[in-house]
Amino acid sequence: MGDPGAASRRKNRLPKGGGESSDLHAAARNGDLTTVESICNANPLAVNTRDRHSRTPEILLGEALWYQIEVQRKLQEQLVAQKKLQTSIKAQRKYLQAMLEKAQKIFVST
């Protein structure tokens, strides 16, 4: 007995020759929302197509957006670390400046 949904899935699978569906999947994979909207407006049924891994453009777009959020989170962490480092360097500079001034006063007074 065969899978009753297999014919439907085969029908919605990405054509081997590429074309509009592969463009849609590529745009979704890259997070190119403008191209995704343009292709979907021209062919609303394109959202049902699946790539060779059986993923819809919506899944690919979701993955791309998730990765963009992760990159943004990592960049934010780096920014926070950089600000802490700058604060530490500034405090160290003030400390060294005070030590230098103190040493100069001692040297001048002797």
PDB file of N, CA and C in Angstrom:
ATOM      1  N   MET A   1       0.838  -1.174   0.000  1.00  0.00           N
ATOM      2  CA  MET A   1       0.000   0.000   0.000  1.00  0.00           C
ATOM      3  C   MET A   1       0.883   1.236   0.000  1.00  0.00           C
ATOM      4  N   GLY A   2       0.621   2.168  -0.863  1.00  0.00           N
ATOM      5  CA  GLY A   2       1.439   3.371  -1.003  1.00  0.00           C
ATOM      6  C   GLY A   2       0.999   4.477  -0.061  1.00  0.00           C
ATOM      7  N   ASP A   3       1.820   5.473  -0.008  1.00  0.00           N
ATOM      8  CA  ASP A   3       1.553   6.646   0.812  1.00  0.00           C
ATOM      9  C   ASP A   3       0.529   7.510   0.084  1.00  0.00           C
ATOM     10  N   PRO A   4      -0.647   7.782   0.678  1.00  0.00           N
ATOM     11  CA  PRO A   4      -1.679   8.548  -0.023  1.00  0.00           C
ATOM     12  C   PRO A   4      -1.271   9.993  -0.306  1.00  0.00           C
ATOM     13  N   GLY A   5      -0.359  10.565   0.477  1.00  0.00           N
ATOM     14  CA  GLY A   5       0.049  11.948   0.261  1.00  0.00           C
ATOM     15  C   GLY A   5       1.253  12.074  -0.657  1.00  0.00           C
ATOM     16  N   ALA A   6       1.815  10.955  -1.110  1.00  0.00           N
ATOM     17  CA  ALA A   6       3.043  10.990  -1.916  1.00  0.00           C
ATOM     18  C   ALA A   6       2.835  11.728  -3.230  1.00  0.00           C
ATOM     19  N   ALA A   7       1.724  11.497  -3.887  1.00  0.00           N
ATOM     20  CA  ALA A   7       1.474  12.159  -5.176  1.00  0.00           C
ATOM     21  C   ALA A   7       1.387  13.677  -4.984  1.00  0.00           C
ATOM     22  N   SER A   8       0.748  14.094  -3.913  1.00  0.00           N
ATOM     23  CA  SER A   8       0.629  15.523  -3.633  1.00  0.00           C
ATOM     24  C   SER A   8       1.996  16.141  -3.358  1.00  0.00           C
ATOM     25  N   ARG A   9       2.833  15.444  -2.586  1.00  0.00           N
ATOM     26  CA  ARG A   9       4.169  15.957  -2.290  1.00  0.00           C
ATOM     27  C   ARG A   9       5.027  16.018  -3.543  1.00  0.00           C
ATOM     28  N   ARG A  10       4.914  15.010  -4.412  1.00  0.00           N
ATOM     29  CA  ARG A  10       5.694  15.014  -5.666  1.00  0.00           C
ATOM     30  C   ARG A  10       5.271  16.182  -6.544  1.00  0.00           C
ATOM     31  N   LYS A  11       3.992  16.481  -6.559  1.00  0.00           N
ATOM     32  CA  LYS A  11       3.475  17.561  -7.390  1.00  0.00           C
ATOM     33  C   LYS A  11       4.028  18.912  -6.930  1.00  0.00           C
ATOM     34  N   ASN A  12       4.205  19.077  -5.618  1.00  0.00           N
ATOM     35  CA  ASN A  12       4.671  20.351  -5.068  1.00  0.00           C
ATOM     36  C   ASN A  12       6.187  20.439  -4.945  1.00  0.00           C
ATOM     37  N   ARG A  13       6.885  19.398  -5.351  1.00  0.00           N
ATOM     38  CA  ARG A  13       8.342  19.387  -5.239  1.00  0.00           C
ATOM     39  C   ARG A  13       8.955  20.315  -6.271  1.00  0.00           C
ATOM     40  N   LEU A  14      10.112  20.857  -5.943  1.00  0.00           N
ATOM     41  CA  LEU A  14      10.838  21.769  -6.821  1.00  0.00           C
ATOM     42  C   LEU A  14      11.192  21.091  -8.132  1.00  0.00           C
ATOM     43  N   PRO A  15      10.891  21.711  -9.256  1.00  0.00           N
ATOM     44  CA  PRO A  15      11.250  21.121 -10.527  1.00  0.00           C
ATOM     45  C   PRO A  15      12.766  21.093 -10.698  1.00  0.00           C
ATOM     46  N   LYS A  16      13.270  20.026 -11.369  1.00  0.00           N
ATOM     47  CA  LYS A  16      14.710  19.880 -11.548  1.00  0.00           C
ATOM     48  C   LYS A  16      15.302  20.991 -12.400  1.00  0.00           C
ATOM     49  N   GLY A  17      14.550  21.551 -13.300  1.00  0.00           N
ATOM     50  CA  GLY A  17      15.075  22.571 -14.194  1.00  0.00           C
ATOM     51  C   GLY A  17      15.226  23.930 -13.541  1.00  0.00           C
ATOM     52  N   GLY A  18      14.816  24.077 -12.288  1.00  0.00           N
ATOM     53  CA  GLY A  18      14.939  25.365 -11.612  1.00  0.00           C
ATOM     54  C   GLY A  18      13.748  26.240 -11.925  1.00  0.00           C
ATOM     55  N   GLY A  19      13.978  27.473 -12.278  1.00  0.00           N
ATOM     56  CA  GLY A  19      12.907  28.395 -12.628  1.00  0.00           C
ATOM     57  C   GLY A  19      12.410  29.173 -11.435  1.00  0.00           C
ATOM     58  N   GLU A  20      11.171  29.597 -11.521  1.00  0.00           N
ATOM     59  CA  GLU A  20      10.595  30.467 -10.502  1.00  0.00           C
ATOM     60  C   GLU A  20      10.642  29.844  -9.113  1.00  0.00           C
ATOM     61  N   SER A  21      10.344  28.547  -9.003  1.00  0.00           N
ATOM     62  CA  SER A  21      10.341  27.900  -7.691  1.00  0.00           C
ATOM     63  C   SER A  21      11.725  27.883  -7.077  1.00  0.00           C
ATOM     64  N   SER A  22      12.736  27.555  -7.881  1.00  0.00           N
ATOM     65  CA  SER A  22      14.090  27.540  -7.318  1.00  0.00           C
ATOM     66  C   SER A  22      14.523  28.961  -6.958  1.00  0.00           C
ATOM     67  N   ASP A  23      14.078  29.965  -7.723  1.00  0.00           N
ATOM     68  CA  ASP A  23      14.369  31.356  -7.373  1.00  0.00           C
ATOM     69  C   ASP A  23      13.729  31.708  -6.036  1.00  0.00           C
ATOM     70  N   LEU A  24      12.511  31.238  -5.841  1.00  0.00           N
ATOM     71  CA  LEU A  24      11.809  31.492  -4.588  1.00  0.00           C
ATOM     72  C   LEU A  24      12.541  30.845  -3.421  1.00  0.00           C
ATOM     73  N   HIS A  25      12.955  29.606  -3.597  1.00  0.00           N
ATOM     74  CA  HIS A  25      13.672  28.920  -2.530  1.00  0.00           C
ATOM     75  C   HIS A  25      15.009  29.605  -2.242  1.00  0.00           C
ATOM     76  N   ALA A  26      15.705  30.029  -3.283  1.00  0.00           N
ATOM     77  CA  ALA A  26      16.987  30.719  -3.093  1.00  0.00           C
ATOM     78  C   ALA A  26      16.774  32.037  -2.344  1.00  0.00           C
ATOM     79  N   ALA A  27      15.748  32.783  -2.736  1.00  0.00           N
ATOM     80  CA  ALA A  27      15.462  34.052  -2.072  1.00  0.00           C
ATOM     81  C   ALA A  27      15.101  33.821  -0.606  1.00  0.00           C
ATOM     82  N   ALA A  28      14.304  32.794  -0.350  1.00  0.00           N
ATOM     83  CA  ALA A  28      13.916  32.482   1.029  1.00  0.00           C
ATOM     84  C   ALA A  28      15.126  32.056   1.843  1.00  0.00           C
ATOM     85  N   ARG A  29      15.976  31.232   1.255  1.00  0.00           N
ATOM     86  CA  ARG A  29      17.170  30.752   1.935  1.00  0.00           C
ATOM     87  C   ARG A  29      18.092  31.916   2.310  1.00  0.00           C
ATOM     88  N   ASN A  30      18.136  32.952   1.453  1.00  0.00           N
ATOM     89  CA  ASN A  30      18.995  34.117   1.683  1.00  0.00           C
ATOM     90  C   ASN A  30      18.308  35.215   2.489  1.00  0.00           C
ATOM     91  N   GLY A  31      17.043  34.994   2.841  1.00  0.00           N
ATOM     92  CA  GLY A  31      16.316  35.989   3.624  1.00  0.00           C
ATOM     93  C   GLY A  31      15.937  37.225   2.819  1.00  0.00           C
ATOM     94  N   ASP A  32      15.837  37.065   1.495  1.00  0.00           N
ATOM     95  CA  ASP A  32      15.503  38.183   0.602  1.00  0.00           C
ATOM     96  C   ASP A  32      13.991  38.323   0.521  1.00  0.00           C
ATOM     97  N   LEU A  33      13.422  39.031   1.488  1.00  0.00           N
ATOM     98  CA  LEU A  33      11.973  39.145   1.614  1.00  0.00           C
ATOM     99  C   LEU A  33      11.336  39.841   0.413  1.00  0.00           C
ATOM    100  N   THR A  34      12.019  40.822  -0.163  1.00  0.00           N
ATOM    101  CA  THR A  34      11.480  41.542  -1.315  1.00  0.00           C
ATOM    102  C   THR A  34      11.253  40.600  -2.495  1.00  0.00           C
ATOM    103  N   THR A  35      12.248  39.756  -2.793  1.00  0.00           N
ATOM    104  CA  THR A  35      12.116  38.808  -3.904  1.00  0.00           C
ATOM    105  C   THR A  35      11.062  37.757  -3.591  1.00  0.00           C
ATOM    106  N   VAL A  36      11.033  37.284  -2.358  1.00  0.00           N
ATOM    107  CA  VAL A  36      10.018  36.296  -1.957  1.00  0.00           C
ATOM    108  C   VAL A  36       8.624  36.869  -2.195  1.00  0.00           C
ATOM    109  N   GLU A  37       8.390  38.105  -1.738  1.00  0.00           N
ATOM    110  CA  GLU A  37       7.074  38.724  -1.923  1.00  0.00           C
ATOM    111  C   GLU A  37       6.750  38.908  -3.404  1.00  0.00           C
ATOM    112  N   SER A  38       7.721  39.317  -4.187  1.00  0.00           N
ATOM    113  CA  SER A  38       7.506  39.532  -5.617  1.00  0.00           C
ATOM    114  C   SER A  38       7.098  38.238  -6.319  1.00  0.00           C
ATOM    115  N   ILE A  39       7.820  37.158  -6.046  1.00  0.00           N
ATOM    116  CA  ILE A  39       7.512  35.876  -6.686  1.00  0.00           C
ATOM    117  C   ILE A  39       6.156  35.360  -6.214  1.00  0.00           C
ATOM    118  N   CYS A  40       5.871  35.480  -4.924  1.00  0.00           N
ATOM    119  CA  CYS A  40       4.595  34.995  -4.382  1.00  0.00           C
ATOM    120  C   CYS A  40       3.413  35.823  -4.887  1.00  0.00           C
ATOM    121  N   ASN A  41       3.619  37.122  -5.090  1.00  0.00           N
ATOM    122  CA  ASN A  41       2.551  37.943  -5.648  1.00  0.00           C
ATOM    123  C   ASN A  41       2.257  37.550  -7.088  1.00  0.00           C
ATOM    124  N   ALA A  42       3.294  37.192  -7.836  1.00  0.00           N
ATOM    125  CA  ALA A  42       3.118  36.784  -9.228  1.00  0.00           C
ATOM    126  C   ALA A  42       2.518  35.384  -9.323  1.00  0.00           C
ATOM    127  N   ASN A  43       2.867  34.514  -8.377  1.00  0.00           N
ATOM    128  CA  ASN A  43       2.384  33.133  -8.403  1.00  0.00           C
ATOM    129  C   ASN A  43       2.130  32.672  -6.969  1.00  0.00           C
ATOM    130  N   PRO A  44       0.935  32.910  -6.437  1.00  0.00           N
ATOM    131  CA  PRO A  44       0.638  32.548  -5.048  1.00  0.00           C
ATOM    132  C   PRO A  44       0.833  31.061  -4.729  1.00  0.00           C
ATOM    133  N   LEU A  45       0.702  30.199  -5.710  1.00  0.00           N
ATOM    134  CA  LEU A  45       0.872  28.767  -5.460  1.00  0.00           C
ATOM    135  C   LEU A  45       2.334  28.374  -5.263  1.00  0.00           C
ATOM    136  N   ALA A  46       3.245  29.273  -5.581  1.00  0.00           N
ATOM    137  CA  ALA A  46       4.672  28.969  -5.429  1.00  0.00           C
ATOM    138  C   ALA A  46       5.046  28.681  -3.984  1.00  0.00           C
ATOM    139  N   VAL A  47       4.282  29.208  -3.030  1.00  0.00           N
ATOM    140  CA  VAL A  47       4.602  28.976  -1.615  1.00  0.00           C
ATOM    141  C   VAL A  47       4.456  27.512  -1.230  1.00  0.00           C
ATOM    142  N   ASN A  48       3.755  26.729  -2.033  1.00  0.00           N
ATOM    143  CA  ASN A  48       3.550  25.321  -1.719  1.00  0.00           C
ATOM    144  C   ASN A  48       4.646  24.424  -2.276  1.00  0.00           C
ATOM    145  N   THR A  49       5.543  24.968  -3.080  1.00  0.00           N
ATOM    146  CA  THR A  49       6.589  24.134  -3.672  1.00  0.00           C
ATOM    147  C   THR A  49       7.588  23.727  -2.605  1.00  0.00           C
ATOM    148  N   ARG A  50       8.248  22.613  -2.864  1.00  0.00           N
ATOM    149  CA  ARG A  50       9.242  22.088  -1.923  1.00  0.00           C
ATOM    150  C   ARG A  50      10.559  21.889  -2.661  1.00  0.00           C
ATOM    151  N   ASP A  51      11.647  22.080  -1.931  1.00  0.00           N
ATOM    152  CA  ASP A  51      12.953  21.851  -2.534  1.00  0.00           C
ATOM    153  C   ASP A  51      13.308  20.369  -2.439  1.00  0.00           C
ATOM    154  N   ARG A  52      14.512  20.029  -2.820  1.00  0.00           N
ATOM    155  CA  ARG A  52      14.893  18.599  -2.843  1.00  0.00           C
ATOM    156  C   ARG A  52      14.936  17.983  -1.452  1.00  0.00           C
ATOM    157  N   HIS A  53      14.918  18.829  -0.407  1.00  0.00           N
ATOM    158  CA  HIS A  53      14.890  18.335   0.968  1.00  0.00           C
ATOM    159  C   HIS A  53      13.485  18.439   1.560  1.00  0.00           C
ATOM    160  N   SER A  54      12.508  18.693   0.689  1.00  0.00           N
ATOM    161  CA  SER A  54      11.100  18.780   1.043  1.00  0.00           C
ATOM    162  C   SER A  54      10.784  19.980   1.937  1.00  0.00           C
ATOM    163  N   ARG A  55      11.580  21.049   1.823  1.00  0.00           N
ATOM    164  CA  ARG A  55      11.332  22.252   2.609  1.00  0.00           C
ATOM    165  C   ARG A  55      10.593  23.282   1.758  1.00  0.00           C
ATOM    166  N   THR A  56       9.626  23.931   2.373  1.00  0.00           N
ATOM    167  CA  THR A  56       8.892  24.997   1.680  1.00  0.00           C
ATOM    168  C   THR A  56       9.690  26.299   1.811  1.00  0.00           C
ATOM    169  N   PRO A  57       9.378  27.294   0.962  1.00  0.00           N
ATOM    170  CA  PRO A  57      10.046  28.590   1.097  1.00  0.00           C
ATOM    171  C   PRO A  57       9.852  29.200   2.485  1.00  0.00           C
ATOM    172  N   GLU A  58       8.699  28.966   3.087  1.00  0.00           N
ATOM    173  CA  GLU A  58       8.431  29.501   4.420  1.00  0.00           C
ATOM    174  C   GLU A  58       9.422  28.942   5.444  1.00  0.00           C
ATOM    175  N   ILE A  59       9.709  27.663   5.352  1.00  0.00           N
ATOM    176  CA  ILE A  59      10.679  27.046   6.267  1.00  0.00           C
ATOM    177  C   ILE A  59      12.054  27.654   6.055  1.00  0.00           C
ATOM    178  N   LEU A  60      12.456  27.801   4.785  1.00  0.00           N
ATOM    179  CA  LEU A  60      13.769  28.363   4.484  1.00  0.00           C
ATOM    180  C   LEU A  60      13.882  29.802   4.954  1.00  0.00           C
ATOM    181  N   LEU A  61      12.832  30.576   4.765  1.00  0.00           N
ATOM    182  CA  LEU A  61      12.838  31.972   5.200  1.00  0.00           C
ATOM    183  C   LEU A  61      12.919  32.040   6.721  1.00  0.00           C
ATOM    184  N   GLY A  62      12.193  31.180   7.379  1.00  0.00           N
ATOM    185  CA  GLY A  62      12.254  31.131   8.845  1.00  0.00           C
ATOM    186  C   GLY A  62      13.652  30.804   9.339  1.00  0.00           C
ATOM    187  N   GLU A  63      14.311  29.844   8.680  1.00  0.00           N
ATOM    188  CA  GLU A  63      15.682  29.491   9.049  1.00  0.00           C
ATOM    189  C   GLU A  63      16.627  30.666   8.816  1.00  0.00           C
ATOM    190  N   ALA A  64      16.487  31.334   7.677  1.00  0.00           N
ATOM    191  CA  ALA A  64      17.351  32.476   7.361  1.00  0.00           C
ATOM    192  C   ALA A  64      17.167  33.588   8.386  1.00  0.00           C
ATOM    193  N   LEU A  65      15.926  33.858   8.754  1.00  0.00           N
ATOM    194  CA  LEU A  65      15.666  34.912   9.735  1.00  0.00           C
ATOM    195  C   LEU A  65      16.203  34.526  11.107  1.00  0.00           C
ATOM    196  N   TRP A  66      16.096  33.248  11.452  1.00  0.00           N
ATOM    197  CA  TRP A  66      16.635  32.778  12.733  1.00  0.00           C
ATOM    198  C   TRP A  66      18.145  32.980  12.762  1.00  0.00           C
ATOM    199  N   TYR A  67      18.832  32.655  11.668  1.00  0.00           N
ATOM    200  CA  TYR A  67      20.285  32.848  11.607  1.00  0.00           C
ATOM    201  C   TYR A  67      20.640  34.329  11.696  1.00  0.00           C
ATOM    202  N   GLN A  68      19.857  35.185  11.062  1.00  0.00           N
ATOM    203  CA  GLN A  68      20.123  36.619  11.147  1.00  0.00           C
ATOM    204  C   GLN A  68      19.972  37.116  12.584  1.00  0.00           C
ATOM    205  N   ILE A  69      18.978  36.605  13.289  1.00  0.00           N
ATOM    206  CA  ILE A  69      18.776  36.984  14.689  1.00  0.00           C
ATOM    207  C   ILE A  69      19.949  36.499  15.532  1.00  0.00           C
ATOM    208  N   GLU A  70      20.419  35.289  15.264  1.00  0.00           N
ATOM    209  CA  GLU A  70      21.571  34.753  15.999  1.00  0.00           C
ATOM    210  C   GLU A  70      22.819  35.594  15.763  1.00  0.00           C
ATOM    211  N   VAL A  71      23.035  36.003  14.517  1.00  0.00           N
ATOM    212  CA  VAL A  71      24.190  36.842  14.199  1.00  0.00           C
ATOM    213  C   VAL A  71      24.069  38.173  14.933  1.00  0.00           C
ATOM    214  N   GLN A  72      22.885  38.746  14.931  1.00  0.00           N
ATOM    215  CA  GLN A  72      22.668  40.016  15.617  1.00  0.00           C
ATOM    216  C   GLN A  72      22.911  39.864  17.116  1.00  0.00           C
ATOM    217  N   ARG A  73      22.480  38.751  17.685  1.00  0.00           N
ATOM    218  CA  ARG A  73      22.693  38.502  19.119  1.00  0.00           C
ATOM    219  C   ARG A  73      24.187  38.409  19.426  1.00  0.00           C
ATOM    220  N   LYS A  74      24.935  37.696  18.576  1.00  0.00           N
ATOM    221  CA  LYS A  74      26.387  37.566  18.768  1.00  0.00           C
ATOM    222  C   LYS A  74      27.073  38.921  18.649  1.00  0.00           C
ATOM    223  N   LEU A  75      26.639  39.725  17.675  1.00  0.00           N
ATOM    224  CA  LEU A  75      27.223  41.055  17.511  1.00  0.00           C
ATOM    225  C   LEU A  75      26.931  41.929  18.730  1.00  0.00           C
ATOM    226  N   GLN A  76      25.735  41.802  19.279  1.00  0.00           N
ATOM    227  CA  GLN A  76      25.377  42.559  20.479  1.00  0.00           C
ATOM    228  C   GLN A  76      26.259  42.138  21.649  1.00  0.00           C
ATOM    229  N   GLU A  77      26.508  40.835  21.783  1.00  0.00           N
ATOM    230  CA  GLU A  77      27.394  40.349  22.846  1.00  0.00           C
ATOM    231  C   GLU A  77      28.796  40.929  22.680  1.00  0.00           C
ATOM    232  N   GLN A  78      29.271  40.980  21.443  1.00  0.00           N
ATOM    233  CA  GLN A  78      30.595  41.535  21.176  1.00  0.00           C
ATOM    234  C   GLN A  78      30.637  43.020  21.523  1.00  0.00           C
ATOM    235  N   LEU A  79      29.575  43.730  21.218  1.00  0.00           N
ATOM    236  CA  LEU A  79      29.508  45.161  21.525  1.00  0.00           C
ATOM    237  C   LEU A  79      29.558  45.388  23.031  1.00  0.00           C
ATOM    238  N   VAL A  80      28.832  44.601  23.786  1.00  0.00           N
ATOM    239  CA  VAL A  80      28.842  44.717  25.249  1.00  0.00           C
ATOM    240  C   VAL A  80      30.242  44.431  25.782  1.00  0.00           C
ATOM    241  N   ALA A  81      30.875  43.385  25.270  1.00  0.00           N
ATOM    242  CA  ALA A  81      32.233  43.044  25.709  1.00  0.00           C
ATOM    243  C   ALA A  81      33.214  44.170  25.364  1.00  0.00           C
ATOM    244  N   GLN A  82      33.051  44.752  24.177  1.00  0.00           N
ATOM    245  CA  GLN A  82      33.928  45.848  23.764  1.00  0.00           C
ATOM    246  C   GLN A  82      33.755  47.064  24.673  1.00  0.00           C
ATOM    247  N   LYS A  83      32.510  47.382  25.033  1.00  0.00           N
ATOM    248  CA  LYS A  83      32.261  48.514  25.927  1.00  0.00           C
ATOM    249  C   LYS A  83      32.886  48.271  27.298  1.00  0.00           C
ATOM    250  N   LYS A  84      32.794  47.047  27.809  1.00  0.00           N
ATOM    251  CA  LYS A  84      33.408  46.718  29.099  1.00  0.00           C
ATOM    252  C   LYS A  84      34.923  46.876  29.008  1.00  0.00           C
ATOM    253  N   LEU A  85      35.491  46.429  27.910  1.00  0.00           N
ATOM    254  CA  LEU A  85      36.936  46.545  27.721  1.00  0.00           C
ATOM    255  C   LEU A  85      37.357  48.011  27.653  1.00  0.00           C
ATOM    256  N   GLN A  86      36.592  48.826  26.929  1.00  0.00           N
ATOM    257  CA  GLN A  86      36.904  50.256  26.842  1.00  0.00           C
ATOM    258  C   GLN A  86      36.835  50.916  28.211  1.00  0.00           C
ATOM    259  N   THR A  87      35.858  50.548  29.018  1.00  0.00           N
ATOM    260  CA  THR A  87      35.735  51.098  30.362  1.00  0.00           C
ATOM    261  C   THR A  87      36.934  50.696  31.209  1.00  0.00           C
ATOM    262  N   SER A  88      37.346  49.456  31.091  1.00  0.00           N
ATOM    263  CA  SER A  88      38.503  48.960  31.833  1.00  0.00           C
ATOM    264  C   SER A  88      39.785  49.676  31.406  1.00  0.00           C
ATOM    265  N   ILE A  89      39.949  49.880  30.117  1.00  0.00           N
ATOM    266  CA  ILE A  89      41.134  50.579  29.605  1.00  0.00           C
ATOM    267  C   ILE A  89      41.152  52.016  30.097  1.00  0.00           C
ATOM    268  N   LYS A  90      39.998  52.652  30.102  1.00  0.00           N
ATOM    269  CA  LYS A  90      39.900  54.041  30.567  1.00  0.00           C
ATOM    270  C   LYS A  90      40.286  54.130  32.043  1.00  0.00           C
ATOM    271  N   ALA A  91      39.798  53.203  32.846  1.00  0.00           N
ATOM    272  CA  ALA A  91      40.132  53.190  34.278  1.00  0.00           C
ATOM    273  C   ALA A  91      41.620  52.932  34.477  1.00  0.00           C
ATOM    274  N   GLN A  92      42.187  52.034  33.689  1.00  0.00           N
ATOM    275  CA  GLN A  92      43.612  51.732  33.785  1.00  0.00           C
ATOM    276  C   GLN A  92      44.441  52.960  33.406  1.00  0.00           C
ATOM    277  N   ARG A  93      43.999  53.684  32.374  1.00  0.00           N
ATOM    278  CA  ARG A  93      44.703  54.890  31.948  1.00  0.00           C
ATOM    279  C   ARG A  93      44.686  55.943  33.055  1.00  0.00           C
ATOM    280  N   LYS A  94      43.540  56.126  33.704  1.00  0.00           N
ATOM    281  CA  LYS A  94      43.445  57.093  34.802  1.00  0.00           C
ATOM    282  C   LYS A  94      44.367  56.702  35.949  1.00  0.00           C
ATOM    283  N   TYR A  95      44.392  55.425  36.257  1.00  0.00           N
ATOM    284  CA  TYR A  95      45.255  54.937  37.337  1.00  0.00           C
ATOM    285  C   TYR A  95      46.726  55.191  37.006  1.00  0.00           C
ATOM    286  N   LEU A  96      47.133  54.853  35.797  1.00  0.00           N
ATOM    287  CA  LEU A  96      48.523  55.045  35.394  1.00  0.00           C
ATOM    288  C   LEU A  96      48.892  56.528  35.350  1.00  0.00           C
ATOM    289  N   GLN A  97      47.954  57.357  34.895  1.00  0.00           N
ATOM    290  CA  GLN A  97      48.194  58.801  34.859  1.00  0.00           C
ATOM    291  C   GLN A  97      48.406  59.329  36.276  1.00  0.00           C
ATOM    292  N   ALA A  98      47.587  58.884  37.216  1.00  0.00           N
ATOM    293  CA  ALA A  98      47.724  59.319  38.609  1.00  0.00           C
ATOM    294  C   ALA A  98      49.058  58.859  39.183  1.00  0.00           C
ATOM    295  N   MET A  99      49.454  57.630  38.874  1.00  0.00           N
ATOM    296  CA  MET A  99      50.739  57.109  39.357  1.00  0.00           C
ATOM    297  C   MET A  99      51.898  57.906  38.766  1.00  0.00           C
ATOM    298  N   LEU A 100      51.801  58.260  37.504  1.00  0.00           N
ATOM    299  CA  LEU A 100      52.847  59.036  36.835  1.00  0.00           C
ATOM    300  C   LEU A 100      52.947  60.432  37.463  1.00  0.00           C
ATOM    301  N   GLU A 101      51.809  61.070  37.703  1.00  0.00           N
ATOM    302  CA  GLU A 101      51.814  62.396  38.326  1.00  0.00           C
ATOM    303  C   GLU A 101      52.407  62.337  39.729  1.00  0.00           C
ATOM    304  N   LYS A 102      52.075  61.298  40.465  1.00  0.00           N
ATOM    305  CA  LYS A 102      52.611  61.128  41.820  1.00  0.00           C
ATOM    306  C   LYS A 102      54.120  60.937  41.767  1.00  0.00           C
ATOM    307  N   ALA A 103      54.590  60.129  40.819  1.00  0.00           N
ATOM    308  CA  ALA A 103      56.029  59.898  40.679  1.00  0.00           C
ATOM    309  C   ALA A 103      56.744  61.183  40.274  1.00  0.00           C
ATOM    310  N   GLN A 104      56.130  61.982  39.417  1.00  0.00           N
ATOM    311  CA  GLN A 104      56.735  63.236  38.998  1.00  0.00           C
ATOM    312  C   GLN A 104      56.854  64.204  40.186  1.00  0.00           C
ATOM    313  N   LYS A 105      55.823  64.268  41.034  1.00  0.00           N
ATOM    314  CA  LYS A 105      55.855  65.142  42.201  1.00  0.00           C
ATOM    315  C   LYS A 105      56.971  64.715  43.143  1.00  0.00           C
ATOM    316  N   ILE A 106      57.115  63.406  43.331  1.00  0.00           N
ATOM    317  CA  ILE A 106      58.164  62.900  44.208  1.00  0.00           C
ATOM    318  C   ILE A 106      59.535  63.234  43.623  1.00  0.00           C
ATOM    319  N   PHE A 107      59.686  63.072  42.332  1.00  0.00           N
ATOM    320  CA  PHE A 107      60.964  63.318  41.662  1.00  0.00           C
ATOM    321  C   PHE A 107      61.327  64.805  41.715  1.00  0.00           C
ATOM    322  N   VAL A 108      60.333  65.687  41.506  1.00  0.00           N
ATOM    323  CA  VAL A 108      60.578  67.121  41.516  1.00  0.00           C
ATOM    324  C   VAL A 108      60.914  67.600  42.931  1.00  0.00           C
ATOM    325  N   SER A 109      60.295  67.033  43.933  1.00  0.00           N
ATOM    326  CA  SER A 109      60.515  67.487  45.319  1.00  0.00           C
ATOM    327  C   SER A 109      61.832  66.989  45.898  1.00  0.00           C
ATOM    328  N   THR A 110      62.509  66.049  45.248  1.00  0.00           N
ATOM    329  CA  THR A 110      63.779  65.556  45.795  1.00  0.00           C
ATOM    330  C   THR A 110      64.972  66.228  45.202  1.00  0.00           C
TER     331      THR A 110
END
